[in-house]
Amino acid sequence: MSDHTRALVPLESWSFNSPELRMAGRSVDVGLLAEALIYYESVLVNVSSQPQLAELLQWFADRGLYDNFLSLVGEGTVTFYDYSFVTSAVRVKGKYDKYDILNLQDPIQAQPDTFERRFLYHPNVARILPNARARRRLYDAVRGHVIEAKANAFGEAVENASADFADPRRTEAYRVSRRPHFLGGWGLWDVRVGFHRRCVSAPFGW
């Protein structure tokens, strides 16, 4: 049972998480962060792209709350949790076509402590904070308050999942899925699982 000390909160809005915001053109749900701060002493915030971080900062800046956000980060109430890789299905051609699930990361993502370089120096963030002093305050607040998860940290768990998927006792030929909101509702339909999935970590050059 949770002791309400810390929670991981992905802020991205998409078809299965805050779809109404996504349809309105917003990529993050700041309300999830606000709600988590009510119930938990500290929150691990995940933004999966630089534009999402820029939108988060814009939300606070537009309401005159930029300093409050920096205080939350600087005191450790809010910590950024960064998955420094991208998980994607890759089609592998052969006698029998199949898809592999790969964790892809570029050389910079594979290095430690690169969140500041990859996210905070991005042009999207610079446009939100054109003042150099405001950007430096952001850098100072975030330093030491980022957890970077690298692809190789998930290797063992991925291989275990792959083994489970290959075990017929643990899988089914058909799975029930839900129709995404943008396809017209949440109706159910059957999806045939006709390929083997293998999850590995791999370096990747963009």
N, C-alpha and C. Protein backbone atom coordinates (compact mmCIF):
# COMPACT_ATOMS: atom_id res chain seq x y z
N MET A 1 0.85 -1.19 0.00
CA MET A 1 0.00 0.00 0.00
C MET A 1 0.88 1.24 0.00
N SER A 2 0.49 2.26 -0.73
CA SER A 2 1.27 3.48 -0.81
C SER A 2 1.25 4.22 0.52
N ASP A 3 2.40 4.81 0.88
CA ASP A 3 2.46 5.62 2.09
C ASP A 3 2.30 7.10 1.77
N HIS A 4 1.92 7.39 0.53
CA HIS A 4 1.65 8.76 0.10
C HIS A 4 2.86 9.68 0.27
N THR A 5 4.05 9.15 0.07
CA THR A 5 5.22 10.01 0.13
C THR A 5 5.68 10.45 -1.25
N ARG A 6 5.52 9.61 -2.28
CA ARG A 6 6.00 9.96 -3.61
C ARG A 6 5.17 9.26 -4.68
N ALA A 7 4.96 9.95 -5.80
CA ALA A 7 4.20 9.38 -6.92
C ALA A 7 4.88 9.77 -8.22
N LEU A 8 4.81 8.86 -9.20
CA LEU A 8 5.29 9.15 -10.55
C LEU A 8 4.09 9.58 -11.39
N VAL A 9 4.17 10.77 -12.00
CA VAL A 9 3.04 11.34 -12.72
C VAL A 9 3.45 11.70 -14.15
N PRO A 10 3.08 10.87 -15.14
CA PRO A 10 3.29 11.26 -16.53
C PRO A 10 2.27 12.33 -16.91
N LEU A 11 2.73 13.44 -17.45
CA LEU A 11 1.85 14.57 -17.75
C LEU A 11 1.34 14.58 -19.18
N GLU A 12 1.87 13.72 -20.04
CA GLU A 12 1.48 13.76 -21.44
C GLU A 12 0.00 13.44 -21.61
N SER A 13 -0.69 14.25 -22.41
CA SER A 13 -2.07 13.95 -22.76
C SER A 13 -2.09 13.26 -24.11
N TRP A 14 -2.86 12.16 -24.19
CA TRP A 14 -2.97 11.41 -25.44
C TRP A 14 -4.29 10.64 -25.41
N SER A 15 -4.45 9.69 -26.31
CA SER A 15 -5.75 9.05 -26.48
C SER A 15 -6.26 8.35 -25.23
N PHE A 16 -5.35 7.84 -24.37
CA PHE A 16 -5.77 7.11 -23.19
C PHE A 16 -5.45 7.85 -21.90
N ASN A 17 -5.04 9.09 -21.98
CA ASN A 17 -4.75 9.89 -20.81
C ASN A 17 -5.11 11.34 -21.12
N SER A 18 -6.17 11.84 -20.51
CA SER A 18 -6.67 13.19 -20.76
C SER A 18 -6.91 13.44 -22.25
N PRO A 19 -7.70 12.59 -22.91
CA PRO A 19 -7.91 12.74 -24.35
C PRO A 19 -8.60 14.05 -24.73
N GLU A 20 -9.41 14.59 -23.82
CA GLU A 20 -10.10 15.84 -24.13
C GLU A 20 -9.12 17.00 -24.27
N LEU A 21 -8.03 16.96 -23.49
CA LEU A 21 -7.01 17.99 -23.61
C LEU A 21 -6.23 17.82 -24.92
N ARG A 22 -5.94 16.59 -25.26
CA ARG A 22 -5.24 16.32 -26.51
C ARG A 22 -6.04 16.82 -27.71
N MET A 23 -7.35 16.58 -27.67
CA MET A 23 -8.19 17.02 -28.76
C MET A 23 -8.25 18.54 -28.83
N ALA A 24 -8.01 19.20 -27.69
CA ALA A 24 -8.01 20.66 -27.65
C ALA A 24 -6.65 21.24 -28.01
N GLY A 25 -5.69 20.37 -28.34
CA GLY A 25 -4.37 20.84 -28.76
C GLY A 25 -3.37 21.02 -27.65
N ARG A 26 -3.67 20.53 -26.45
CA ARG A 26 -2.74 20.65 -25.32
C ARG A 26 -2.04 19.32 -25.09
N SER A 27 -0.73 19.37 -24.89
CA SER A 27 0.06 18.14 -24.81
C SER A 27 0.34 17.68 -23.38
N VAL A 28 0.05 18.52 -22.39
CA VAL A 28 0.28 18.12 -21.00
C VAL A 28 -0.96 18.44 -20.16
N ASP A 29 -1.14 17.66 -19.10
CA ASP A 29 -2.25 17.85 -18.17
C ASP A 29 -1.68 18.34 -16.85
N VAL A 30 -1.65 19.64 -16.66
CA VAL A 30 -1.09 20.21 -15.43
C VAL A 30 -1.96 19.85 -14.23
N GLY A 31 -3.24 19.58 -14.47
CA GLY A 31 -4.12 19.20 -13.38
C GLY A 31 -3.67 17.93 -12.67
N LEU A 32 -3.05 17.00 -13.41
CA LEU A 32 -2.55 15.78 -12.79
C LEU A 32 -1.45 16.10 -11.78
N LEU A 33 -0.59 17.07 -12.11
CA LEU A 33 0.45 17.49 -11.19
C LEU A 33 -0.15 18.13 -9.96
N ALA A 34 -1.12 19.03 -10.17
CA ALA A 34 -1.76 19.71 -9.04
C ALA A 34 -2.43 18.72 -8.10
N GLU A 35 -3.14 17.73 -8.67
CA GLU A 35 -3.82 16.74 -7.85
C GLU A 35 -2.83 15.89 -7.06
N ALA A 36 -1.73 15.50 -7.72
CA ALA A 36 -0.72 14.68 -7.04
C ALA A 36 -0.08 15.43 -5.88
N LEU A 37 0.10 16.75 -6.02
CA LEU A 37 0.72 17.54 -4.96
C LEU A 37 -0.17 17.63 -3.72
N ILE A 38 -1.48 17.40 -3.90
CA ILE A 38 -2.39 17.40 -2.75
C ILE A 38 -2.18 16.15 -1.90
N TYR A 39 -1.95 15.03 -2.56
CA TYR A 39 -1.94 13.74 -1.86
C TYR A 39 -0.54 13.22 -1.52
N TYR A 40 0.48 13.73 -2.20
CA TYR A 40 1.83 13.19 -2.01
C TYR A 40 2.80 14.27 -1.57
N GLU A 41 3.76 13.86 -0.77
CA GLU A 41 4.76 14.81 -0.30
C GLU A 41 5.69 15.27 -1.41
N SER A 42 5.98 14.38 -2.36
CA SER A 42 6.81 14.75 -3.50
C SER A 42 6.31 14.03 -4.73
N VAL A 43 6.59 14.61 -5.90
CA VAL A 43 6.06 14.09 -7.16
C VAL A 43 7.19 13.97 -8.17
N LEU A 44 7.28 12.81 -8.81
CA LEU A 44 8.19 12.61 -9.94
C LEU A 44 7.40 12.92 -11.21
N VAL A 45 7.80 13.95 -11.92
CA VAL A 45 7.08 14.40 -13.10
C VAL A 45 7.79 13.91 -14.36
N ASN A 46 7.03 13.31 -15.27
CA ASN A 46 7.59 12.88 -16.54
C ASN A 46 6.99 13.69 -17.67
N VAL A 47 7.85 14.37 -18.42
CA VAL A 47 7.48 14.98 -19.69
C VAL A 47 8.32 14.29 -20.75
N SER A 48 7.68 13.80 -21.81
CA SER A 48 8.38 12.93 -22.74
C SER A 48 9.03 13.68 -23.90
N SER A 49 8.85 14.99 -23.97
CA SER A 49 9.47 15.74 -25.07
C SER A 49 9.72 17.18 -24.63
N GLN A 50 10.58 17.86 -25.37
CA GLN A 50 10.89 19.25 -25.08
C GLN A 50 9.69 20.17 -25.25
N PRO A 51 8.86 19.98 -26.30
CA PRO A 51 7.65 20.81 -26.39
C PRO A 51 6.72 20.66 -25.19
N GLN A 52 6.65 19.45 -24.62
CA GLN A 52 5.81 19.26 -23.44
C GLN A 52 6.37 20.04 -22.25
N LEU A 53 7.68 20.03 -22.08
CA LEU A 53 8.29 20.82 -21.00
C LEU A 53 8.01 22.30 -21.22
N ALA A 54 8.14 22.76 -22.45
CA ALA A 54 7.89 24.16 -22.76
C ALA A 54 6.44 24.54 -22.43
N GLU A 55 5.49 23.66 -22.76
CA GLU A 55 4.08 23.94 -22.46
C GLU A 55 3.84 23.98 -20.95
N LEU A 56 4.51 23.10 -20.21
CA LEU A 56 4.39 23.10 -18.75
C LEU A 56 4.89 24.42 -18.17
N LEU A 57 6.05 24.86 -18.62
CA LEU A 57 6.61 26.12 -18.14
C LEU A 57 5.73 27.30 -18.55
N GLN A 58 5.18 27.24 -19.77
CA GLN A 58 4.30 28.31 -20.24
C GLN A 58 3.07 28.45 -19.36
N TRP A 59 2.53 27.31 -18.92
CA TRP A 59 1.34 27.33 -18.07
C TRP A 59 1.62 28.11 -16.78
N PHE A 60 2.73 27.83 -16.16
CA PHE A 60 3.07 28.53 -14.92
C PHE A 60 3.41 30.00 -15.18
N ALA A 61 4.15 30.27 -16.25
CA ALA A 61 4.55 31.64 -16.55
C ALA A 61 3.33 32.52 -16.85
N ASP A 62 2.37 31.99 -17.60
CA ASP A 62 1.18 32.77 -17.96
C ASP A 62 0.37 33.18 -16.75
N ARG A 63 0.47 32.43 -15.66
CA ARG A 63 -0.32 32.70 -14.46
C ARG A 63 0.49 33.36 -13.37
N GLY A 64 1.71 33.79 -13.71
CA GLY A 64 2.56 34.44 -12.73
C GLY A 64 3.07 33.51 -11.65
N LEU A 65 3.13 32.21 -11.96
CA LEU A 65 3.52 31.20 -10.98
C LEU A 65 4.87 30.56 -11.29
N TYR A 66 5.65 31.19 -12.17
CA TYR A 66 6.93 30.60 -12.55
C TYR A 66 7.85 30.45 -11.34
N ASP A 67 7.90 31.47 -10.48
CA ASP A 67 8.76 31.38 -9.30
C ASP A 67 8.28 30.27 -8.36
N ASN A 68 6.97 30.09 -8.26
CA ASN A 68 6.44 29.01 -7.41
C ASN A 68 6.88 27.65 -7.93
N PHE A 69 6.85 27.49 -9.26
CA PHE A 69 7.27 26.21 -9.83
C PHE A 69 8.74 25.96 -9.56
N LEU A 70 9.57 26.99 -9.72
CA LEU A 70 11.00 26.82 -9.44
C LEU A 70 11.23 26.45 -7.99
N SER A 71 10.43 27.01 -7.09
CA SER A 71 10.57 26.68 -5.67
C SER A 71 10.22 25.22 -5.42
N LEU A 72 9.15 24.73 -6.07
CA LEU A 72 8.77 23.33 -5.90
C LEU A 72 9.88 22.40 -6.37
N VAL A 73 10.53 22.77 -7.48
CA VAL A 73 11.62 21.94 -8.00
C VAL A 73 12.86 22.07 -7.11
N GLY A 74 13.21 23.29 -6.77
CA GLY A 74 14.42 23.52 -6.00
C GLY A 74 14.42 22.89 -4.63
N GLU A 75 13.23 22.82 -4.01
CA GLU A 75 13.14 22.21 -2.67
C GLU A 75 12.94 20.71 -2.72
N GLY A 76 12.80 20.15 -3.95
CA GLY A 76 12.67 18.70 -4.09
C GLY A 76 11.26 18.18 -4.05
N THR A 77 10.27 19.07 -3.98
CA THR A 77 8.88 18.61 -4.00
C THR A 77 8.53 18.04 -5.37
N VAL A 78 9.06 18.67 -6.43
CA VAL A 78 8.89 18.18 -7.79
C VAL A 78 10.24 17.79 -8.35
N THR A 79 10.34 16.56 -8.84
CA THR A 79 11.56 16.05 -9.47
C THR A 79 11.21 15.54 -10.86
N PHE A 80 12.05 15.83 -11.82
CA PHE A 80 11.81 15.34 -13.17
C PHE A 80 12.31 13.90 -13.29
N TYR A 81 11.46 13.04 -13.84
CA TYR A 81 11.83 11.65 -14.11
C TYR A 81 11.85 11.48 -15.62
N ASP A 82 13.04 11.23 -16.17
CA ASP A 82 13.24 11.20 -17.62
C ASP A 82 13.57 9.80 -18.09
N TYR A 83 12.71 9.26 -18.97
CA TYR A 83 13.04 8.02 -19.67
C TYR A 83 13.93 8.41 -20.86
N SER A 84 15.22 8.17 -20.74
CA SER A 84 16.17 8.64 -21.75
C SER A 84 16.29 7.69 -22.93
N PHE A 85 15.14 7.25 -23.43
CA PHE A 85 15.10 6.37 -24.59
C PHE A 85 13.68 6.39 -25.13
N VAL A 86 13.53 5.82 -26.32
CA VAL A 86 12.21 5.72 -26.96
C VAL A 86 11.93 4.25 -27.24
N THR A 87 10.76 3.78 -26.85
CA THR A 87 10.35 2.41 -27.14
C THR A 87 9.48 2.40 -28.39
N SER A 88 9.86 1.54 -29.34
CA SER A 88 9.14 1.54 -30.61
C SER A 88 9.09 0.13 -31.19
N ALA A 89 8.04 -0.15 -31.96
CA ALA A 89 7.93 -1.42 -32.69
C ALA A 89 8.64 -1.27 -34.04
N VAL A 90 9.52 -2.20 -34.34
CA VAL A 90 10.31 -2.17 -35.57
C VAL A 90 10.02 -3.43 -36.36
N ARG A 91 9.64 -3.26 -37.62
CA ARG A 91 9.34 -4.41 -38.46
C ARG A 91 10.62 -5.05 -38.96
N VAL A 92 10.72 -6.36 -38.79
CA VAL A 92 11.88 -7.13 -39.23
C VAL A 92 11.46 -8.04 -40.37
N LYS A 93 12.03 -7.82 -41.54
CA LYS A 93 11.65 -8.61 -42.70
C LYS A 93 12.44 -9.91 -42.75
N GLY A 94 11.81 -10.95 -43.19
CA GLY A 94 12.46 -12.25 -43.31
C GLY A 94 11.47 -13.23 -43.90
N LYS A 95 11.72 -14.52 -43.64
CA LYS A 95 10.79 -15.54 -44.12
C LYS A 95 9.41 -15.30 -43.56
N TYR A 96 9.38 -14.93 -42.27
CA TYR A 96 8.14 -14.57 -41.62
C TYR A 96 8.33 -13.17 -41.03
N ASP A 97 7.57 -12.22 -41.56
CA ASP A 97 7.67 -10.87 -41.02
C ASP A 97 7.24 -10.85 -39.56
N LYS A 98 7.94 -10.09 -38.78
CA LYS A 98 7.59 -9.96 -37.37
C LYS A 98 7.97 -8.56 -36.91
N TYR A 99 7.58 -8.25 -35.71
CA TYR A 99 7.91 -6.96 -35.12
C TYR A 99 8.73 -7.19 -33.86
N ASP A 100 9.80 -6.43 -33.72
CA ASP A 100 10.57 -6.40 -32.48
C ASP A 100 10.25 -5.11 -31.75
N ILE A 101 10.15 -5.18 -30.43
CA ILE A 101 9.97 -4.00 -29.61
C ILE A 101 11.35 -3.60 -29.08
N LEU A 102 11.81 -2.43 -29.49
CA LEU A 102 13.16 -2.00 -29.16
C LEU A 102 13.14 -0.74 -28.30
N ASN A 103 14.08 -0.67 -27.36
CA ASN A 103 14.34 0.56 -26.63
C ASN A 103 15.48 1.28 -27.35
N LEU A 104 15.20 2.41 -27.95
CA LEU A 104 16.17 3.12 -28.78
C LEU A 104 16.67 4.36 -28.05
N GLN A 105 17.98 4.54 -28.07
CA GLN A 105 18.54 5.76 -27.49
C GLN A 105 19.74 6.21 -28.31
N ASP A 106 19.88 7.51 -28.46
CA ASP A 106 21.02 8.03 -29.22
C ASP A 106 22.23 8.14 -28.29
N PRO A 107 23.41 8.44 -28.82
CA PRO A 107 24.61 8.49 -27.98
C PRO A 107 24.52 9.49 -26.83
N ILE A 108 23.84 10.60 -27.04
CA ILE A 108 23.71 11.59 -25.97
C ILE A 108 22.78 11.07 -24.88
N GLN A 109 21.67 10.46 -25.27
CA GLN A 109 20.75 9.90 -24.28
C GLN A 109 21.42 8.83 -23.42
N ALA A 110 22.35 8.10 -23.99
CA ALA A 110 23.02 7.02 -23.26
C ALA A 110 23.97 7.55 -22.19
N GLN A 111 24.41 8.79 -22.33
CA GLN A 111 25.34 9.36 -21.36
C GLN A 111 24.60 9.78 -20.09
N PRO A 112 25.28 9.80 -18.95
CA PRO A 112 24.63 10.22 -17.71
C PRO A 112 24.46 11.74 -17.65
N ASP A 113 23.43 12.17 -16.94
CA ASP A 113 23.23 13.59 -16.64
C ASP A 113 23.19 14.48 -17.88
N THR A 114 22.30 14.12 -18.81
CA THR A 114 22.18 14.91 -20.04
C THR A 114 20.81 15.58 -20.17
N PHE A 115 19.96 15.48 -19.16
CA PHE A 115 18.63 16.08 -19.23
C PHE A 115 18.73 17.59 -19.47
N GLU A 116 19.62 18.24 -18.75
CA GLU A 116 19.75 19.70 -18.90
C GLU A 116 20.11 20.06 -20.33
N ARG A 117 21.06 19.36 -20.92
CA ARG A 117 21.47 19.66 -22.29
C ARG A 117 20.37 19.35 -23.29
N ARG A 118 19.67 18.23 -23.09
CA ARG A 118 18.67 17.80 -24.07
C ARG A 118 17.36 18.57 -23.95
N PHE A 119 16.99 18.96 -22.74
CA PHE A 119 15.69 19.60 -22.53
C PHE A 119 15.78 21.10 -22.26
N LEU A 120 16.57 21.50 -21.28
CA LEU A 120 16.54 22.88 -20.84
C LEU A 120 17.15 23.85 -21.84
N TYR A 121 18.08 23.36 -22.67
CA TYR A 121 18.71 24.23 -23.67
C TYR A 121 17.95 24.21 -25.00
N HIS A 122 16.85 23.54 -25.05
CA HIS A 122 16.11 23.38 -26.31
C HIS A 122 15.46 24.70 -26.74
N PRO A 123 15.38 24.96 -28.04
CA PRO A 123 14.77 26.21 -28.53
C PRO A 123 13.34 26.43 -28.04
N ASN A 124 12.56 25.36 -27.89
CA ASN A 124 11.19 25.52 -27.40
C ASN A 124 11.15 26.14 -26.01
N VAL A 125 12.08 25.73 -25.16
CA VAL A 125 12.16 26.28 -23.81
C VAL A 125 12.67 27.70 -23.85
N ALA A 126 13.65 27.97 -24.73
CA ALA A 126 14.20 29.32 -24.85
C ALA A 126 13.13 30.32 -25.31
N ARG A 127 12.21 29.88 -26.15
CA ARG A 127 11.15 30.78 -26.60
C ARG A 127 10.19 31.13 -25.46
N ILE A 128 9.99 30.21 -24.54
CA ILE A 128 9.12 30.48 -23.40
C ILE A 128 9.83 31.40 -22.41
N LEU A 129 11.14 31.25 -22.29
CA LEU A 129 11.94 32.04 -21.34
C LEU A 129 13.01 32.82 -22.10
N PRO A 130 12.64 33.90 -22.78
CA PRO A 130 13.63 34.65 -23.57
C PRO A 130 14.66 35.37 -22.71
N ASN A 131 14.34 35.58 -21.44
CA ASN A 131 15.27 36.26 -20.54
C ASN A 131 16.32 35.27 -20.04
N ALA A 132 17.59 35.59 -20.26
CA ALA A 132 18.68 34.68 -19.89
C ALA A 132 18.71 34.42 -18.39
N ARG A 133 18.38 35.43 -17.59
CA ARG A 133 18.39 35.25 -16.14
C ARG A 133 17.32 34.24 -15.71
N ALA A 134 16.16 34.31 -16.35
CA ALA A 134 15.09 33.36 -16.02
C ALA A 134 15.49 31.95 -16.38
N ARG A 135 16.21 31.78 -17.49
CA ARG A 135 16.68 30.45 -17.88
C ARG A 135 17.73 29.93 -16.91
N ARG A 136 18.63 30.79 -16.46
CA ARG A 136 19.66 30.36 -15.50
C ARG A 136 19.01 29.92 -14.19
N ARG A 137 17.98 30.61 -13.78
CA ARG A 137 17.28 30.20 -12.55
C ARG A 137 16.64 28.83 -12.71
N LEU A 138 16.15 28.56 -13.92
CA LEU A 138 15.60 27.23 -14.19
C LEU A 138 16.70 26.18 -14.12
N TYR A 139 17.85 26.44 -14.74
CA TYR A 139 18.96 25.48 -14.70
C TYR A 139 19.36 25.18 -13.26
N ASP A 140 19.49 26.24 -12.45
CA ASP A 140 19.92 26.06 -11.05
C ASP A 140 18.91 25.25 -10.25
N ALA A 141 17.61 25.48 -10.51
CA ALA A 141 16.57 24.77 -9.75
C ALA A 141 16.53 23.29 -10.12
N VAL A 142 16.72 22.99 -11.41
CA VAL A 142 16.57 21.61 -11.88
C VAL A 142 17.78 20.75 -11.54
N ARG A 143 18.96 21.34 -11.52
CA ARG A 143 20.17 20.56 -11.24
C ARG A 143 20.06 19.84 -9.90
N GLY A 144 20.30 18.55 -9.95
CA GLY A 144 20.19 17.74 -8.75
C GLY A 144 18.79 17.23 -8.48
N HIS A 145 17.85 17.59 -9.34
CA HIS A 145 16.46 17.17 -9.14
C HIS A 145 15.93 16.50 -10.40
N VAL A 146 16.75 15.64 -10.98
CA VAL A 146 16.38 14.87 -12.17
C VAL A 146 16.82 13.42 -11.97
N ILE A 147 15.95 12.50 -12.31
CA ILE A 147 16.29 11.07 -12.36
C ILE A 147 16.24 10.65 -13.82
N GLU A 148 17.36 10.18 -14.35
CA GLU A 148 17.42 9.75 -15.75
C GLU A 148 17.46 8.23 -15.81
N ALA A 149 16.42 7.64 -16.41
CA ALA A 149 16.36 6.19 -16.58
C ALA A 149 16.87 5.83 -17.96
N LYS A 150 17.92 5.01 -18.02
CA LYS A 150 18.53 4.63 -19.29
C LYS A 150 17.99 3.29 -19.77
N ALA A 151 18.13 3.04 -21.06
CA ALA A 151 17.57 1.83 -21.67
C ALA A 151 18.12 0.56 -21.04
N ASN A 152 19.42 0.55 -20.72
CA ASN A 152 20.02 -0.69 -20.21
C ASN A 152 19.50 -1.07 -18.83
N ALA A 153 18.87 -0.12 -18.14
CA ALA A 153 18.31 -0.43 -16.82
C ALA A 153 17.07 -1.31 -16.92
N PHE A 154 16.49 -1.40 -18.12
CA PHE A 154 15.26 -2.16 -18.30
C PHE A 154 15.50 -3.47 -19.05
N GLY A 155 16.75 -3.81 -19.28
CA GLY A 155 17.05 -5.02 -20.05
C GLY A 155 16.50 -6.29 -19.44
N GLU A 156 16.74 -6.52 -18.15
CA GLU A 156 16.29 -7.76 -17.51
C GLU A 156 14.78 -7.85 -17.49
N ALA A 157 14.11 -6.76 -17.16
CA ALA A 157 12.65 -6.78 -17.13
C ALA A 157 12.06 -7.03 -18.51
N VAL A 158 12.72 -6.47 -19.53
CA VAL A 158 12.24 -6.65 -20.90
C VAL A 158 12.39 -8.10 -21.34
N GLU A 159 13.51 -8.72 -21.01
CA GLU A 159 13.73 -10.11 -21.38
C GLU A 159 12.75 -11.03 -20.65
N ASN A 160 12.45 -10.72 -19.39
CA ASN A 160 11.45 -11.51 -18.66
C ASN A 160 10.08 -11.41 -19.32
N ALA A 161 9.72 -10.20 -19.76
CA ALA A 161 8.44 -10.01 -20.44
C ALA A 161 8.41 -10.76 -21.76
N SER A 162 9.55 -10.77 -22.46
CA SER A 162 9.63 -11.47 -23.72
C SER A 162 9.45 -12.97 -23.53
N ALA A 163 10.05 -13.50 -22.47
CA ALA A 163 9.91 -14.93 -22.18
C ALA A 163 8.46 -15.27 -21.83
N ASP A 164 7.81 -14.40 -21.06
CA ASP A 164 6.41 -14.63 -20.72
C ASP A 164 5.53 -14.63 -21.96
N PHE A 165 5.83 -13.70 -22.90
CA PHE A 165 5.02 -13.59 -24.10
C PHE A 165 5.14 -14.85 -24.96
N ALA A 166 6.33 -15.48 -24.93
CA ALA A 166 6.56 -16.68 -25.74
C ALA A 166 5.96 -17.93 -25.10
N ASP A 167 5.54 -17.83 -23.85
CA ASP A 167 4.97 -18.97 -23.13
C ASP A 167 3.47 -19.03 -23.40
N PRO A 168 2.99 -20.07 -24.10
CA PRO A 168 1.54 -20.13 -24.43
C PRO A 168 0.65 -20.19 -23.20
N ARG A 169 1.21 -20.60 -22.07
CA ARG A 169 0.39 -20.64 -20.86
C ARG A 169 0.09 -19.24 -20.34
N ARG A 170 0.88 -18.26 -20.79
CA ARG A 170 0.74 -16.89 -20.29
C ARG A 170 0.15 -15.94 -21.32
N THR A 171 -0.12 -16.44 -22.51
CA THR A 171 -0.64 -15.56 -23.55
C THR A 171 -1.89 -16.16 -24.16
N GLU A 172 -2.59 -15.35 -24.93
CA GLU A 172 -3.79 -15.79 -25.63
C GLU A 172 -3.67 -15.41 -27.09
N ALA A 173 -4.36 -16.17 -27.95
CA ALA A 173 -4.31 -15.88 -29.38
C ALA A 173 -5.04 -14.59 -29.71
N TYR A 174 -6.04 -14.27 -28.91
CA TYR A 174 -6.80 -13.05 -29.15
C TYR A 174 -6.76 -12.19 -27.89
N ARG A 175 -6.73 -10.90 -28.12
CA ARG A 175 -6.78 -9.99 -27.00
C ARG A 175 -7.85 -8.94 -27.25
N VAL A 176 -8.48 -8.55 -26.19
CA VAL A 176 -9.51 -7.53 -26.31
C VAL A 176 -8.87 -6.17 -26.06
N SER A 177 -9.08 -5.28 -26.98
CA SER A 177 -8.54 -3.94 -26.85
C SER A 177 -9.66 -2.93 -26.93
N ARG A 178 -9.34 -1.71 -26.61
CA ARG A 178 -10.35 -0.66 -26.66
C ARG A 178 -10.04 0.28 -27.82
N ARG A 179 -11.08 0.65 -28.53
CA ARG A 179 -10.93 1.55 -29.66
C ARG A 179 -10.54 2.94 -29.15
N PRO A 180 -9.46 3.52 -29.68
CA PRO A 180 -9.05 4.85 -29.22
C PRO A 180 -10.17 5.87 -29.41
N HIS A 181 -10.14 6.87 -28.57
CA HIS A 181 -11.17 7.91 -28.59
C HIS A 181 -11.27 8.57 -29.96
N PHE A 182 -10.11 8.84 -30.58
CA PHE A 182 -10.15 9.57 -31.83
C PHE A 182 -10.66 8.72 -32.99
N LEU A 183 -10.85 7.42 -32.79
CA LEU A 183 -11.42 6.57 -33.82
C LEU A 183 -12.93 6.42 -33.66
N GLY A 184 -13.48 7.13 -32.69
CA GLY A 184 -14.93 7.13 -32.57
C GLY A 184 -15.47 6.33 -31.41
N GLY A 185 -15.04 6.62 -30.22
CA GLY A 185 -15.62 5.97 -29.05
C GLY A 185 -14.71 4.93 -28.45
N TRP A 186 -15.24 4.19 -27.50
CA TRP A 186 -14.45 3.23 -26.76
C TRP A 186 -14.97 1.81 -26.97
N GLY A 187 -15.44 1.52 -28.17
CA GLY A 187 -15.96 0.20 -28.47
C GLY A 187 -14.88 -0.87 -28.40
N LEU A 188 -15.29 -2.11 -28.20
CA LEU A 188 -14.35 -3.23 -28.09
C LEU A 188 -14.24 -3.95 -29.42
N TRP A 189 -13.05 -4.42 -29.72
CA TRP A 189 -12.89 -5.30 -30.87
C TRP A 189 -11.71 -6.22 -30.62
N ASP A 190 -11.66 -7.33 -31.34
CA ASP A 190 -10.62 -8.33 -31.15
C ASP A 190 -9.44 -8.02 -32.05
N VAL A 191 -8.26 -8.21 -31.50
CA VAL A 191 -7.03 -8.01 -32.26
C VAL A 191 -6.26 -9.32 -32.27
N ARG A 192 -5.95 -9.83 -33.43
CA ARG A 192 -5.21 -11.08 -33.54
C ARG A 192 -3.74 -10.80 -33.28
N VAL A 193 -3.15 -11.54 -32.37
CA VAL A 193 -1.72 -11.42 -32.11
C VAL A 193 -1.01 -12.45 -32.98
N GLY A 194 -0.44 -12.01 -34.08
CA GLY A 194 0.13 -12.94 -35.03
C GLY A 194 1.63 -12.82 -35.18
N PHE A 195 2.31 -12.23 -34.20
CA PHE A 195 3.76 -12.09 -34.31
C PHE A 195 4.36 -12.23 -32.92
N HIS A 196 5.64 -12.56 -32.90
CA HIS A 196 6.37 -12.64 -31.64
C HIS A 196 6.99 -11.28 -31.35
N ARG A 197 6.98 -10.90 -30.11
CA ARG A 197 7.57 -9.63 -29.73
C ARG A 197 8.81 -9.88 -28.89
N ARG A 198 9.86 -9.22 -29.26
CA ARG A 198 11.11 -9.35 -28.50
C ARG A 198 11.57 -7.96 -28.13
N CYS A 199 11.86 -7.76 -26.88
CA CYS A 199 12.23 -6.44 -26.40
C CYS A 199 13.70 -6.42 -26.05
N VAL A 200 14.43 -5.51 -26.66
CA VAL A 200 15.86 -5.39 -26.39
C VAL A 200 16.21 -3.92 -26.27
N SER A 201 17.35 -3.65 -25.70
CA SER A 201 17.86 -2.29 -25.67
C SER A 201 18.90 -2.15 -26.77
N ALA A 202 18.88 -1.05 -27.47
CA ALA A 202 19.80 -0.88 -28.59
C ALA A 202 20.20 0.57 -28.74
N PRO A 203 21.49 0.84 -29.03
CA PRO A 203 21.89 2.22 -29.33
C PRO A 203 21.29 2.65 -30.66
N PHE A 204 21.05 3.92 -30.78
CA PHE A 204 20.37 4.40 -31.97
C PHE A 204 20.86 5.79 -32.30
N GLY A 205 21.19 6.01 -33.55
CA GLY A 205 21.60 7.34 -34.01
C GLY A 205 20.47 7.99 -34.77
N TRP A 206 20.05 9.19 -34.33
CA TRP A 206 18.92 9.85 -34.97
C TRP A 206 19.36 10.44 -36.30
